[in-house]
C-alpha atoms as a PDB file:
ATOM      1  CA  MET A   1     -14.722 -11.328  -2.604  1.00  0.00           C
ATOM      2  CA  PRO A   2     -13.783 -12.191   1.053  1.00  0.00           C
ATOM      3  CA  LEU A   3     -11.506 -15.113   1.695  1.00  0.00           C
ATOM      4  CA  ASP A   4     -13.054 -18.475   2.444  1.00  0.00           C
ATOM      5  CA  PRO A   5     -13.648 -18.615   6.172  1.00  0.00           C
ATOM      6  CA  HIS A   6     -11.692 -21.822   6.383  1.00  0.00           C
ATOM      7  CA  VAL A   7      -8.677 -20.251   4.684  1.00  0.00           C
ATOM      8  CA  THR A   8      -9.010 -17.211   7.055  1.00  0.00           C
ATOM      9  CA  GLU A   9      -8.974 -19.474  10.109  1.00  0.00           C
ATOM     10  CA  GLN A  10      -5.922 -21.400   8.659  1.00  0.00           C
ATOM     11  CA  LEU A  11      -4.077 -18.111   8.134  1.00  0.00           C
ATOM     12  CA  ILE A  12      -4.755 -16.857  11.641  1.00  0.00           C
ATOM     13  CA  ASN A  13      -3.758 -20.211  13.271  1.00  0.00           C
ATOM     14  CA  ARG A  14      -0.590 -20.286  11.164  1.00  0.00           C
ATOM     15  CA  PHE A  15       0.699 -17.029  12.656  1.00  0.00           C
ATOM     16  CA  SER A  16      -0.846 -17.122  16.203  1.00  0.00           C
ATOM     17  CA  TYR A  17       2.331 -17.058  18.232  1.00  0.00           C
ATOM     18  CA  SER A  18       2.858 -14.736  21.141  1.00  0.00           C
ATOM     19  CA  GLY A  19       2.987 -11.116  20.029  1.00  0.00           C
ATOM     20  CA  LEU A  20       0.590 -11.354  17.063  1.00  0.00           C
ATOM     21  CA  ARG A  21      -1.338  -8.111  16.801  1.00  0.00           C
ATOM     22  CA  VAL A  22      -2.968  -7.959  13.323  1.00  0.00           C
ATOM     23  CA  VAL A  23      -3.321 -10.029  10.121  1.00  0.00           C
ATOM     24  CA  ILE A  24      -4.263  -8.147   6.947  1.00  0.00           C
ATOM     25  CA  GLY A  25      -5.288  -9.671   3.664  1.00  0.00           C
ATOM     26  CA  TYR A  26      -4.817  -7.631   0.523  1.00  0.00           C
ATOM     27  CA  GLY A  27      -4.335  -8.083  -3.201  1.00  0.00           C
ATOM     28  CA  SER A  28      -6.425  -9.626  -5.982  1.00  0.00           C
ATOM     29  CA  GLN A  29      -6.990 -12.978  -4.296  1.00  0.00           C
ATOM     30  CA  VAL A  30      -8.547 -11.145  -1.315  1.00  0.00           C
ATOM     31  CA  ILE A  31     -10.155  -8.080  -2.928  1.00  0.00           C
ATOM     32  CA  LYS A  32     -11.664  -8.473  -6.407  1.00  0.00           C
ATOM     33  CA  GLN A  33     -10.028  -6.607  -9.274  1.00  0.00           C
ATOM     34  CA  ALA A  34     -11.440  -6.033 -12.748  1.00  0.00           C
ATOM     35  CA  SER A  35      -8.968  -8.265 -14.632  1.00  0.00           C
ATOM     36  CA  GLU A  36      -8.401 -11.894 -15.313  1.00  0.00           C
ATOM     37  CA  LEU A  37      -4.743 -11.386 -14.420  1.00  0.00           C
ATOM     38  CA  LYS A  38      -5.125 -12.240 -10.759  1.00  0.00           C
ATOM     39  CA  SER A  39      -2.290 -13.324  -8.564  1.00  0.00           C
ATOM     40  CA  SER A  40      -2.184 -17.013  -7.685  1.00  0.00           C
ATOM     41  CA  LEU A  41      -0.934 -16.065  -4.159  1.00  0.00           C
ATOM     42  CA  VAL A  42      -2.952 -14.820  -1.161  1.00  0.00           C
ATOM     43  CA  ASP A  43      -1.152 -11.695   0.040  1.00  0.00           C
ATOM     44  CA  VAL A  44      -0.950 -11.155   3.770  1.00  0.00           C
ATOM     45  CA  LEU A  45       0.674  -8.729   6.181  1.00  0.00           C
ATOM     46  CA  VAL A  46       1.455 -10.062   9.710  1.00  0.00           C
ATOM     47  CA  VAL A  47       1.854  -7.431  12.317  1.00  0.00           C
ATOM     48  CA  VAL A  48       3.787  -8.362  15.442  1.00  0.00           C
ATOM     49  CA  ASP A  49       4.378  -6.544  18.700  1.00  0.00           C
ATOM     50  CA  ASP A  50       7.841  -4.940  18.625  1.00  0.00           C
ATOM     51  CA  ALA A  51       8.990  -6.386  21.921  1.00  0.00           C
ATOM     52  CA  GLN A  52       8.103  -9.907  20.948  1.00  0.00           C
ATOM     53  CA  LEU A  53       9.268  -9.793  17.326  1.00  0.00           C
ATOM     54  CA  ALA A  54      12.404 -11.832  17.860  1.00  0.00           C
ATOM     55  CA  ASN A  55      10.582 -14.509  19.763  1.00  0.00           C
ATOM     56  CA  TRP A  56       7.785 -14.567  17.100  1.00  0.00           C
ATOM     57  CA  HIS A  57      10.354 -15.205  14.304  1.00  0.00           C
ATOM     58  CA  THR A  58      11.946 -17.935  16.378  1.00  0.00           C
ATOM     59  CA  GLN A  59       8.644 -19.753  16.912  1.00  0.00           C
ATOM     60  CA  ASN A  60       7.711 -19.342  13.258  1.00  0.00           C
ATOM     61  CA  MET A  61      11.060 -20.735  12.111  1.00  0.00           C
ATOM     62  CA  GLN A  62      10.611 -23.753  14.441  1.00  0.00           C
ATOM     63  CA  MET A  63       7.215 -24.505  12.786  1.00  0.00           C
ATOM     64  CA  HIS A  64       7.919 -23.220   9.277  1.00  0.00           C
ATOM     65  CA  GLY A  65      11.656 -22.939   8.854  1.00  0.00           C
ATOM     66  CA  SER A  66      11.519 -23.560   5.075  1.00  0.00           C
ATOM     67  CA  ASP A  67       9.488 -20.308   4.688  1.00  0.00           C
ATOM     68  CA  TYR A  68      12.784 -18.424   5.341  1.00  0.00           C
ATOM     69  CA  SER A  69      15.960 -18.209   3.251  1.00  0.00           C
ATOM     70  CA  PHE A  70      19.203 -19.769   4.598  1.00  0.00           C
ATOM     71  CA  LEU A  71      20.471 -16.215   5.286  1.00  0.00           C
ATOM     72  CA  CYS A  72      17.496 -15.319   7.481  1.00  0.00           C
ATOM     73  CA  ARG A  73      17.669 -18.591   9.364  1.00  0.00           C
ATOM     74  CA  VAL A  74      21.305 -18.178  10.311  1.00  0.00           C
ATOM     75  CA  LEU A  75      21.276 -14.450  11.172  1.00  0.00           C
ATOM     76  CA  PRO A  76      21.169 -13.622  14.872  1.00  0.00           C
ATOM     77  CA  ARG A  77      17.585 -12.477  15.752  1.00  0.00           C
ATOM     78  CA  ASN A  78      18.742  -8.889  16.449  1.00  0.00           C
ATOM     79  CA  TRP A  79      20.248  -8.661  12.962  1.00  0.00           C
ATOM     80  CA  LEU A  80      17.213 -10.283  11.431  1.00  0.00           C
ATOM     81  CA  ILE A  81      15.024  -7.536  12.958  1.00  0.00           C
ATOM     82  CA  LYS A  82      17.386  -4.906  11.612  1.00  0.00           C
ATOM     83  CA  VAL A  83      17.064  -6.414   8.161  1.00  0.00           C
ATOM     84  CA  GLN A  84      13.309  -6.516   8.475  1.00  0.00           C
ATOM     85  CA  ASN A  85      13.043  -2.885   9.630  1.00  0.00           C
ATOM     86  CA  ALA A  86      15.256  -1.688   6.681  1.00  0.00           C
ATOM     87  CA  ALA A  87      13.700  -0.067   3.586  1.00  0.00           C
ATOM     88  CA  GLY A  88       9.944  -0.660   3.653  1.00  0.00           C
ATOM     89  CA  GLY A  89       9.992  -2.324   7.067  1.00  0.00           C
ATOM     90  CA  VAL A  90       8.731  -5.712   5.827  1.00  0.00           C
ATOM     91  CA  LEU A  91      10.287  -9.157   5.632  1.00  0.00           C
ATOM     92  CA  PHE A  92       8.536 -11.081   2.899  1.00  0.00           C
ATOM     93  CA  ASN A  93       8.340 -14.861   2.527  1.00  0.00           C
ATOM     94  CA  PRO A  94       6.859 -15.485  -0.953  1.00  0.00           C
ATOM     95  CA  ASP A  95       5.071 -18.482  -2.336  1.00  0.00           C
ATOM     96  CA  VAL A  96       4.703 -20.839   0.655  1.00  0.00           C
ATOM     97  CA  ALA A  97       1.938 -23.352   1.127  1.00  0.00           C
ATOM     98  CA  LEU A  98      -0.693 -22.287   3.650  1.00  0.00           C
ATOM     99  CA  THR A  99      -0.538 -25.737   5.172  1.00  0.00           C
ATOM    100  CA  GLU A 100       1.453 -28.842   4.350  1.00  0.00           C
ATOM    101  CA  GLY A 101       0.187 -30.192   1.007  1.00  0.00           C
ATOM    102  CA  SER A 102      -2.350 -27.241   0.604  1.00  0.00           C
ATOM    103  CA  GLU A 103      -3.099 -25.943  -2.874  1.00  0.00           C
ATOM    104  CA  THR A 104      -3.445 -22.487  -1.352  1.00  0.00           C
ATOM    105  CA  HIS A 105      -0.174 -20.577  -1.423  1.00  0.00           C
ATOM    106  CA  ILE A 106       0.581 -17.333   0.303  1.00  0.00           C
ATOM    107  CA  LYS A 107       3.045 -14.416   0.315  1.00  0.00           C
ATOM    108  CA  TYR A 108       3.368 -13.024   3.738  1.00  0.00           C
ATOM    109  CA  GLY A 109       5.208  -9.964   5.022  1.00  0.00           C
ATOM    110  CA  VAL A 110       6.097  -9.627   8.714  1.00  0.00           C
ATOM    111  CA  ILE A 111       6.130  -6.132  10.093  1.00  0.00           C
ATOM    112  CA  SER A 112       6.402  -4.595  13.572  1.00  0.00           C
ATOM    113  CA  TRP A 113       3.441  -2.798  15.095  1.00  0.00           C
ATOM    114  CA  ASN A 114       5.340   0.469  15.611  1.00  0.00           C
ATOM    115  CA  THR A 115       6.620   0.365  11.918  1.00  0.00           C
ATOM    116  CA  LEU A 116       3.000   0.024  10.668  1.00  0.00           C
ATOM    117  CA  LEU A 117       1.837   2.921  12.844  1.00  0.00           C
ATOM    118  CA  SER A 118       4.726   5.125  11.771  1.00  0.00           C
ATOM    119  CA  ASP A 119       4.089   4.654   8.102  1.00  0.00           C
ATOM    120  CA  LEU A 120       0.393   5.131   8.466  1.00  0.00           C
ATOM    121  CA  ALA A 121       0.979   8.380  10.431  1.00  0.00           C
ATOM    122  CA  GLY A 122       3.772   9.909   8.396  1.00  0.00           C
ATOM    123  CA  TRP A 123       4.580   7.759   5.333  1.00  0.00           C
ATOM    124  CA  SER A 124       7.991   7.207   7.019  1.00  0.00           C
ATOM    125  CA  LYS A 125       8.464   3.896   5.223  1.00  0.00           C
ATOM    126  CA  GLY A 126       7.793   5.458   1.802  1.00  0.00           C
ATOM    127  CA  MET A 127       4.088   4.577   1.904  1.00  0.00           C
ATOM    128  CA  TYR A 128       5.108   0.937   1.451  1.00  0.00           C
ATOM    129  CA  LEU A 129       2.570  -0.118   4.082  1.00  0.00           C
ATOM    130  CA  ALA A 130       0.334   2.911   4.112  1.00  0.00           C
ATOM    131  CA  GLY A 131      -0.238   2.648   0.365  1.00  0.00           C
ATOM    132  CA  ARG A 132      -1.646  -0.859   0.725  1.00  0.00           C
ATOM    133  CA  LEU A 133      -3.987   0.355   3.416  1.00  0.00           C
ATOM    134  CA  GLN A 134      -5.152   3.294   1.318  1.00  0.00           C
ATOM    135  CA  LYS A 135      -6.856   0.551  -0.718  1.00  0.00           C
ATOM    136  CA  PRO A 136      -9.563  -1.911   0.380  1.00  0.00           C
ATOM    137  CA  VAL A 137      -8.077  -4.630   2.567  1.00  0.00           C
ATOM    138  CA  ASP A 138      -9.531  -7.361   4.763  1.00  0.00           C
ATOM    139  CA  LEU A 139      -8.584  -7.161   8.434  1.00  0.00           C
ATOM    140  CA  LEU A 140      -8.549 -10.888   9.060  1.00  0.00           C
ATOM    141  CA  TYR A 141      -7.540 -10.621  12.648  1.00  0.00           C
ATOM    142  CA  VAL A 142      -7.118  -7.667  15.026  1.00  0.00           C
ATOM    143  CA  GLU A 143      -6.261  -7.973  18.654  1.00  0.00           C
ATOM    144  CA  ASP A 144      -8.896  -6.205  20.749  1.00  0.00           C
ATOM    145  CA  SER A 145      -6.334  -3.983  22.598  1.00  0.00           C
ATOM    146  CA  VAL A 146      -5.188  -2.387  19.382  1.00  0.00           C
ATOM    147  CA  LYS A 147      -8.417  -2.158  17.411  1.00  0.00           C
ATOM    148  CA  ASP A 148      -9.214   1.479  18.100  1.00  0.00           C
ATOM    149  CA  GLU A 149      -5.685   2.647  17.539  1.00  0.00           C
ATOM    150  CA  LEU A 150      -5.524   0.771  14.239  1.00  0.00           C
ATOM    151  CA  ASP A 151      -8.826   2.093  12.993  1.00  0.00           C
ATOM    152  CA  HIS A 152      -7.763   5.679  13.819  1.00  0.00           C
ATOM    153  CA  ALA A 153      -4.411   5.223  12.107  1.00  0.00           C
ATOM    154  CA  ILE A 154      -5.917   3.731   8.901  1.00  0.00           C
ATOM    155  CA  ARG A 155      -8.504   6.523   8.740  1.00  0.00           C
ATOM    156  CA  ALA A 156      -5.883   9.239   9.157  1.00  0.00           C
ATOM    157  CA  ASN A 157      -3.739   7.642   6.434  1.00  0.00           C
ATOM    158  CA  ARG A 158      -6.669   7.524   4.067  1.00  0.00           C
ATOM    159  CA  ARG A 159      -7.644  11.162   4.895  1.00  0.00           C
ATOM    160  CA  ALA A 160      -4.068  12.243   4.144  1.00  0.00           C
ATOM    161  CA  ALA A 161      -4.180  10.439   0.807  1.00  0.00           C
ATOM    162  CA  ALA A 162      -7.534  12.085  -0.061  1.00  0.00           C
ATOM    163  CA  CYS A 163      -6.216  15.504   0.801  1.00  0.00           C
ATOM    164  CA  THR A 164      -3.121  14.933  -1.218  1.00  0.00           C
ATOM    165  CA  SER A 165      -5.122  14.057  -4.276  1.00  0.00           C
ATOM    166  CA  LEU A 166      -7.563  16.959  -3.636  1.00  0.00           C
ATOM    167  CA  LEU A 167      -4.648  19.441  -3.566  1.00  0.00           C
ATOM    168  CA  LYS A 168      -3.824  18.391  -7.147  1.00  0.00           C
ATOM    169  CA  ARG A 169      -7.324  19.130  -8.496  1.00  0.00           C
ATOM    170  CA  ASP A 170      -9.590  22.053  -9.331  1.00  0.00           C
ATOM    171  CA  SER A 171     -12.694  22.800  -7.317  1.00  0.00           C
ATOM    172  CA  LEU A 172     -15.065  20.288  -8.983  1.00  0.00           C
ATOM    173  CA  LEU A 173     -14.317  16.728  -9.982  1.00  0.00           C
ATOM    174  CA  THR A 174     -15.929  13.258  -9.905  1.00  0.00           C
ATOM    175  CA  ASP A 175     -15.279  10.786  -7.187  1.00  0.00           C
ATOM    176  CA  ARG A 176     -14.053   8.246  -9.706  1.00  0.00           C
ATOM    177  CA  GLU A 177     -11.278  10.662 -10.727  1.00  0.00           C
ATOM    178  CA  LEU A 178     -10.337  11.301  -7.172  1.00  0.00           C
ATOM    179  CA  LEU A 179     -10.400   7.642  -6.230  1.00  0.00           C
ATOM    180  CA  THR A 180      -8.281   6.758  -9.213  1.00  0.00           C
ATOM    181  CA  ASP A 181      -5.665   9.309  -8.158  1.00  0.00           C
ATOM    182  CA  ILE A 182      -5.732   8.087  -4.536  1.00  0.00           C
ATOM    183  CA  MET A 183      -5.246   4.458  -5.630  1.00  0.00           C
ATOM    184  CA  GLY A 184      -2.287   5.474  -7.785  1.00  0.00           C
ATOM    185  CA  LEU A 185      -0.336   7.452  -5.190  1.00  0.00           C
ATOM    186  CA  SER A 186       1.730   4.665  -3.770  1.00  0.00           C
ATOM    187  CA  TYR A 187       2.841   3.538  -7.252  1.00  0.00           C
ATOM    188  CA  LEU A 188       4.339   6.930  -8.161  1.00  0.00           C
ATOM    189  CA  GLY A 189       8.110   6.450  -8.504  1.00  0.00           C
ATOM    190  CA  ASP A 190       7.987   2.748  -7.763  1.00  0.00           C
ATOM    191  CA  PRO A 191      10.509   1.092  -9.988  1.00  0.00           C
ATOM    192  CA  ARG A 192       8.535  -2.096 -10.148  1.00  0.00           C
ATOM    193  CA  MET A 193       5.896  -0.330 -12.271  1.00  0.00           C
ATOM    194  CA  LYS A 194       8.378  -0.369 -15.103  1.00  0.00           C
ATOM    195  CA  PHE A 195       8.878  -4.080 -15.406  1.00  0.00           C
ATOM    196  CA  ALA A 196       6.916  -6.136 -12.785  1.00  0.00           C
ATOM    197  CA  GLU A 197       3.476  -4.632 -12.320  1.00  0.00           C
ATOM    198  CA  ASN A 198       0.402  -4.547 -14.433  1.00  0.00           C
ATOM    199  CA  PRO A 199       0.004  -1.015 -15.841  1.00  0.00           C
ATOM    200  CA  MET A 200      -3.756  -1.390 -15.636  1.00  0.00           C
ATOM    201  CA  LYS A 201      -3.522  -2.142 -11.939  1.00  0.00           C
ATOM    202  CA  VAL A 202      -5.001   1.147 -10.675  1.00  0.00           C
ATOM    203  CA  THR A 203      -7.795   1.173 -13.258  1.00  0.00           C
ATOM    204  CA  ASN A 204      -8.647  -2.513 -12.372  1.00  0.00           C
ATOM    205  CA  ILE A 205      -8.844  -1.690  -8.641  1.00  0.00           C
ATOM    206  CA  VAL A 206     -11.202   1.312  -9.115  1.00  0.00           C
ATOM    207  CA  THR A 207     -13.338  -0.428 -11.678  1.00  0.00           C
ATOM    208  CA  ALA A 208     -14.046  -3.499  -9.516  1.00  0.00           C
ATOM    209  CA  GLN A 209     -14.011  -1.851  -6.193  1.00  0.00           C
ATOM    210  CA  ILE A 210     -15.778   1.499  -6.839  1.00  0.00           C
ATOM    211  CA  GLU A 211     -18.676   0.873  -4.428  1.00  0.00           C
ATOM    212  CA  TYR A 212     -16.348  -0.317  -1.610  1.00  0.00           C
ATOM    213  CA  LEU A 213     -14.031   2.742  -2.248  1.00  0.00           C
ATOM    214  CA  ARG A 214     -17.070   5.040  -1.921  1.00  0.00           C
ATOM    215  CA  GLN A 215     -17.943   3.436   1.415  1.00  0.00           C
ATOM    216  CA  ILE A 216     -14.458   4.136   2.583  1.00  0.00           C
ATOM    217  CA  TYR A 217     -13.808   7.633   1.179  1.00  0.00           C
ATOM    218  CA  HIS A 218     -17.181   9.361   0.968  1.00  0.00           C
ATOM    219  CA  PRO A 219     -17.448   9.624   4.796  1.00  0.00           C
ATOM    220  CA  ILE A 220     -13.917  10.954   4.883  1.00  0.00           C
ATOM    221  CA  LEU A 221     -14.816  13.635   2.294  1.00  0.00           C
ATOM    222  CA  LYS A 222     -18.067  14.624   3.878  1.00  0.00           C
ATOM    223  CA  LYS A 223     -17.564  14.154   7.639  1.00  0.00           C
ATOM    224  CA  ASP A 224     -13.851  14.768   8.046  1.00  0.00           C
ATOM    225  CA  LEU A 225     -13.336  17.397   5.395  1.00  0.00           C
ATOM    226  CA  GLY A 226     -16.845  18.878   5.160  1.00  0.00           C
ATOM    227  CA  LEU A 227     -17.054  18.591   1.356  1.00  0.00           C
ATOM    228  CA  THR A 228     -20.198  18.311  -0.721  1.00  0.00           C
ATOM    229  CA  VAL A 229     -20.608  14.981  -2.563  1.00  0.00           C
ATOM    230  CA  LEU A 230     -23.582  14.920  -4.983  1.00  0.00           C
ATOM    231  CA  ALA A 231     -24.823  12.149  -7.287  1.00  0.00           C
ATOM    232  CA  ALA A 232     -24.163  12.930 -10.994  1.00  0.00           C
ATOM    233  CA  GLY A 233     -25.116  10.042 -13.288  1.00  0.00           C
ATOM    234  CA  GLU A 234     -22.964   6.915 -12.536  1.00  0.00           C
ATOM    235  CA  ASP A 235     -20.494   8.902 -10.486  1.00  0.00           C
ATOM    236  CA  PHE A 236     -20.576  11.586  -7.783  1.00  0.00           C
ATOM    237  CA  GLU A 237     -19.327  15.150  -8.031  1.00  0.00           C
ATOM    238  CA  ILE A 238     -17.174  16.494  -5.346  1.00  0.00           C
ATOM    239  CA  ASP A 239     -17.300  20.264  -4.745  1.00  0.00           C
ATOM    240  CA  GLN A 240     -14.204  21.226  -2.831  1.00  0.00           C
ATOM    241  CA  SER A 241     -14.627  24.975  -3.176  1.00  0.00           C
ATOM    242  CA  SER A 242     -15.192  25.213   0.543  1.00  0.00           C
ATOM    243  CA  ALA A 243     -11.830  23.543   1.285  1.00  0.00           C
ATOM    244  CA  SER A 244      -8.775  25.837   1.286  1.00  0.00           C
ATOM    245  CA  GLY A 245      -5.487  24.546   0.211  1.00  0.00           C
ATOM    246  CA  THR A 246      -4.155  25.324   3.690  1.00  0.00           C
ATOM    247  CA  MET A 247      -6.797  23.175   5.327  1.00  0.00           C
ATOM    248  CA  LEU A 248      -6.027  20.267   3.044  1.00  0.00           C
ATOM    249  CA  ALA A 249      -2.320  20.655   3.361  1.00  0.00           C
ATOM    250  CA  LYS A 250      -2.624  20.430   7.209  1.00  0.00           C
ATOM    251  CA  GLN A 251      -4.116  16.969   6.852  1.00  0.00           C
ATOM    252  CA  CYS A 252      -1.041  15.651   5.072  1.00  0.00           C
ATOM    253  CA  PRO A 253       2.046  17.179   6.746  1.00  0.00           C
ATOM    254  CA  HIS A 254       4.180  14.225   5.525  1.00  0.00           C
ATOM    255  CA  LEU A 255       3.667  15.606   1.971  1.00  0.00           C
ATOM    256  CA  THR A 256       3.991  19.280   2.676  1.00  0.00           C
ATOM    257  CA  SER A 257       7.131  18.789   4.819  1.00  0.00           C
ATOM    258  CA  ARG A 258       8.695  17.152   1.846  1.00  0.00           C
ATOM    259  CA  LEU A 259       8.048  20.185  -0.272  1.00  0.00           C
ATOM    260  CA  VAL A 260       9.499  22.408   2.355  1.00  0.00           C
ATOM    261  CA  LYS A 261      12.416  20.288   3.496  1.00  0.00           C
ATOM    262  CA  GLY A 262      13.201  19.262  -0.062  1.00  0.00           C
ATOM    263  CA  SER A 263      13.843  22.936  -0.728  1.00  0.00           C
ATOM    264  CA  THR A 264      13.278  22.703  -4.422  1.00  0.00           C
ATOM    265  CA  VAL A 265      11.261  20.673  -6.889  1.00  0.00           C
ATOM    266  CA  THR A 266      11.936  21.024 -10.592  1.00  0.00           C
ATOM    267  CA  VAL A 267       8.934  21.038 -12.929  1.00  0.00           C
ATOM    268  CA  GLY A 268      10.120  21.372 -16.514  1.00  0.00           C
ATOM    269  CA  SER A 269      12.325  24.446 -16.553  1.00  0.00           C
ATOM    270  CA  THR A 270      10.532  25.928 -13.461  1.00  0.00           C
ATOM    271  CA  ILE A 271      12.003  25.593  -9.945  1.00  0.00           C
ATOM    272  CA  VAL A 272       9.462  25.645  -7.061  1.00  0.00           C
ATOM    273  CA  ARG A 273      10.755  26.530  -3.634  1.00  0.00           C
ATOM    274  CA  ASP A 274       9.399  25.839  -0.201  1.00  0.00           C
ATOM    275  CA  GLY A 275       6.077  24.461  -1.194  1.00  0.00           C
ATOM    276  CA  SER A 276       4.883  27.684  -2.863  1.00  0.00           C
ATOM    277  CA  ALA A 277       3.335  25.680  -5.721  1.00  0.00           C
ATOM    278  CA  PHE A 278       0.296  25.000  -3.542  1.00  0.00           C
ATOM    279  CA  GLY A 279      -0.985  28.322  -4.825  1.00  0.00           C
ATOM    280  CA  ASP A 280      -0.269  27.644  -8.451  1.00  0.00           C
ATOM    281  CA  VAL A 281      -2.927  25.505 -10.104  1.00  0.00           C
ATOM    282  CA  THR A 282      -0.992  24.920 -13.355  1.00  0.00           C
ATOM    283  CA  GLN A 283       2.037  23.376 -11.691  1.00  0.00           C
ATOM    284  CA  ARG A 284       0.397  21.897  -8.552  1.00  0.00           C
ATOM    285  CA  GLN A 285      -0.134  18.364  -9.841  1.00  0.00           C
ATOM    286  CA  ALA A 286       3.341  17.991 -11.196  1.00  0.00           C
ATOM    287  CA  VAL A 287       4.964  19.278  -8.131  1.00  0.00           C
ATOM    288  CA  ILE A 288       2.919  17.029  -5.758  1.00  0.00           C
ATOM    289  CA  ASP A 289       3.517  13.968  -7.970  1.00  0.00           C
ATOM    290  CA  ALA A 290       7.253  14.715  -7.827  1.00  0.00           C
ATOM    291  CA  ALA A 291       7.176  14.939  -4.060  1.00  0.00           C
ATOM    292  CA  ILE A 292       5.199  11.732  -3.696  1.00  0.00           C
ATOM    293  CA  SER A 293       7.632  10.008  -6.092  1.00  0.00           C
ATOM    294  CA  ASN A 294      10.455  11.172  -3.863  1.00  0.00           C
ATOM    295  CA  ILE A 295       8.673   9.543  -0.850  1.00  0.00           C
ATOM    296  CA  VAL A 296       7.814   6.293  -2.628  1.00  0.00           C
ATOM    297  CA  GLY A 297      10.595   5.584  -5.088  1.00  0.00           C
ATOM    298  CA  PRO A 298      13.736   5.221  -2.934  1.00  0.00           C
ATOM    299  CA  VAL A 299      12.041   3.024  -0.328  1.00  0.00           C
ATOM    300  CA  ALA A 300      10.397   0.800  -2.974  1.00  0.00           C
ATOM    301  CA  GLY A 301      13.683   0.326  -4.777  1.00  0.00           C
ATOM    302  CA  ARG A 302      15.577  -0.582  -1.569  1.00  0.00           C
ATOM    303  CA  GLN A 303      12.736  -2.912  -0.497  1.00  0.00           C
ATOM    304  CA  THR A 304      12.868  -4.705  -3.937  1.00  0.00           C
ATOM    305  CA  LEU A 305      16.653  -5.237  -3.574  1.00  0.00           C
ATOM    306  CA  LYS A 306      16.190  -6.386   0.011  1.00  0.00           C
ATOM    307  CA  GLY A 307      13.581  -9.004  -1.062  1.00  0.00           C
ATOM    308  CA  GLY A 308      15.977 -10.310  -3.692  1.00  0.00           C
ATOM    309  CA  ILE A 309      18.603 -10.901  -1.002  1.00  0.00           C
ATOM    310  CA  THR A 310      16.382 -12.206   1.853  1.00  0.00           C
ATOM    311  CA  SER A 311      13.893 -14.459   0.060  1.00  0.00           C
ATOM    312  CA  PRO A 312      14.647 -18.095  -0.696  1.00  0.00           C
ATOM    313  CA  ILE A 313      16.104 -17.983  -4.198  1.00  0.00           C
ATOM    314  CA  LEU A 314      14.364 -21.046  -5.549  1.00  0.00           C
ATOM    315  CA  ARG A 315      10.976 -19.525  -4.670  1.00  0.00           C
ATOM    316  CA  MET A 316      11.982 -15.944  -5.548  1.00  0.00           C
ATOM    317  CA  ILE A 317      12.969 -16.571  -9.194  1.00  0.00           C
ATOM    318  CA  PRO A 318       9.636 -18.156 -10.211  1.00  0.00           C
ATOM    319  CA  TYR A 319       7.806 -15.389  -8.225  1.00  0.00           C
ATOM    320  CA  ILE A 320       9.628 -12.593 -10.055  1.00  0.00           C
ATOM    321  CA  TRP A 321       9.127 -14.342 -13.378  1.00  0.00           C
ATOM    322  CA  ALA A 322       5.385 -14.649 -12.708  1.00  0.00           C
ATOM    323  CA  LYS A 323       5.247 -10.873 -11.871  1.00  0.00           C
ATOM    324  CA  ILE A 324       7.126  -9.989 -15.066  1.00  0.00           C
ATOM    325  CA  LYS A 325       4.812 -12.291 -17.124  1.00  0.00           C
ATOM    326  CA  LYS A 326       1.785 -10.654 -15.446  1.00  0.00           C
ATOM    327  CA  SER A 327       3.099  -7.200 -16.239  1.00  0.00           C
ATOM    328  CA  ARG A 328       3.579  -8.107 -19.925  1.00  0.00           C
ATOM    329  CA  GLU A 329       0.045  -9.458 -20.105  1.00  0.00           C
ATOM    330  CA  GLY A 330      -1.219  -6.320 -18.416  1.00  0.00           C
ATOM    331  CA  ARG A 331       0.572  -4.140 -21.039  1.00  0.00           C
ATOM    332  CA  ARG A 332      -1.085  -6.101 -23.824  1.00  0.00           C
ATOM    333  CA  GLU A 333      -4.384  -5.554 -22.063  1.00  0.00           C
ATOM    334  CA  ALA A 334      -3.657  -1.854 -21.814  1.00  0.00           C
ATOM    335  CA  GLY A 335      -2.815  -1.747 -25.527  1.00  0.00           C
ATOM    336  CA  ARG A 336      -6.162  -3.374 -26.359  1.00  0.00           C
ATOM    337  CA  VAL A 337      -7.977  -0.858 -24.247  1.00  0.00           C
ATOM    338  CA  LYS A 338      -6.283   2.031 -26.108  1.00  0.00           C
ATOM    339  CA  LEU A 339      -7.182   0.627 -29.433  1.00  0.00           C
ATOM    340  CA  ASN A 340     -10.759   0.374 -28.465  1.00  0.00           C
END
């Protein structure tokens, strides 16, 4: 469900100040999900060249000052950039009209180019950005000079996510199982999942986007990792017997370094040291999930707190309430699914 071309054009024009590198659309208003509980906002990431970030914010405030909270407007630009780069590396402005008087409202996050590349390459920002790009997104605008670098970074991030999920599994599984696991990685340990996110979110993404996800991940599985992917009814079977744990682990050093540098991970009453659990099938999934939670959780928590401080309060309160309401409706939906 691509955005209306007119909306896309308006989005690009709205952010086209000096330094704009990339505009990314994501979320249920951009990419279809299998639920009626869709967001009313168009979610957008605006990626700006690091050297021109302060100037970009200045120009954006001159044109759309009400997008920003009072705190962000009065902060010196160097401090605003420090605030933006904290936690997940994003400065969000929620629930703003796309154009004056427009019925289309957006939530946009401003990030620097190097911050995006860093999180894609090493999950350095807690997968806060990388997790979004492990899912289907719409690249609404990409500056020609960075297109190849961005494509390479996105594929490497998705390959690392696939390898992380493969490390948790036995030698034969369906692609639907694998894709469900990949889509859920960036939610592990995220405190918002307890009160402000639809618990059916991952299932809804996979159900509605299965063919798109196959277009993204089957080439990675087959070409990058050399795995066999065979049709089996409605799904595909993935035979990863030819892929060693060592080979897979090399593709996601940001995960394996956490297991090593973290020294210990407790699973029940068992303590696993220095990543040794990669050879233990029975504990592998719990250990990797714990490591991912340690990557995602702290950053997601700090970013949530940052958003509460930096977003305009009169727009933030209704936005949070809408998220909580959507989460409750999602939990009722999940309960109905279990009953059936």
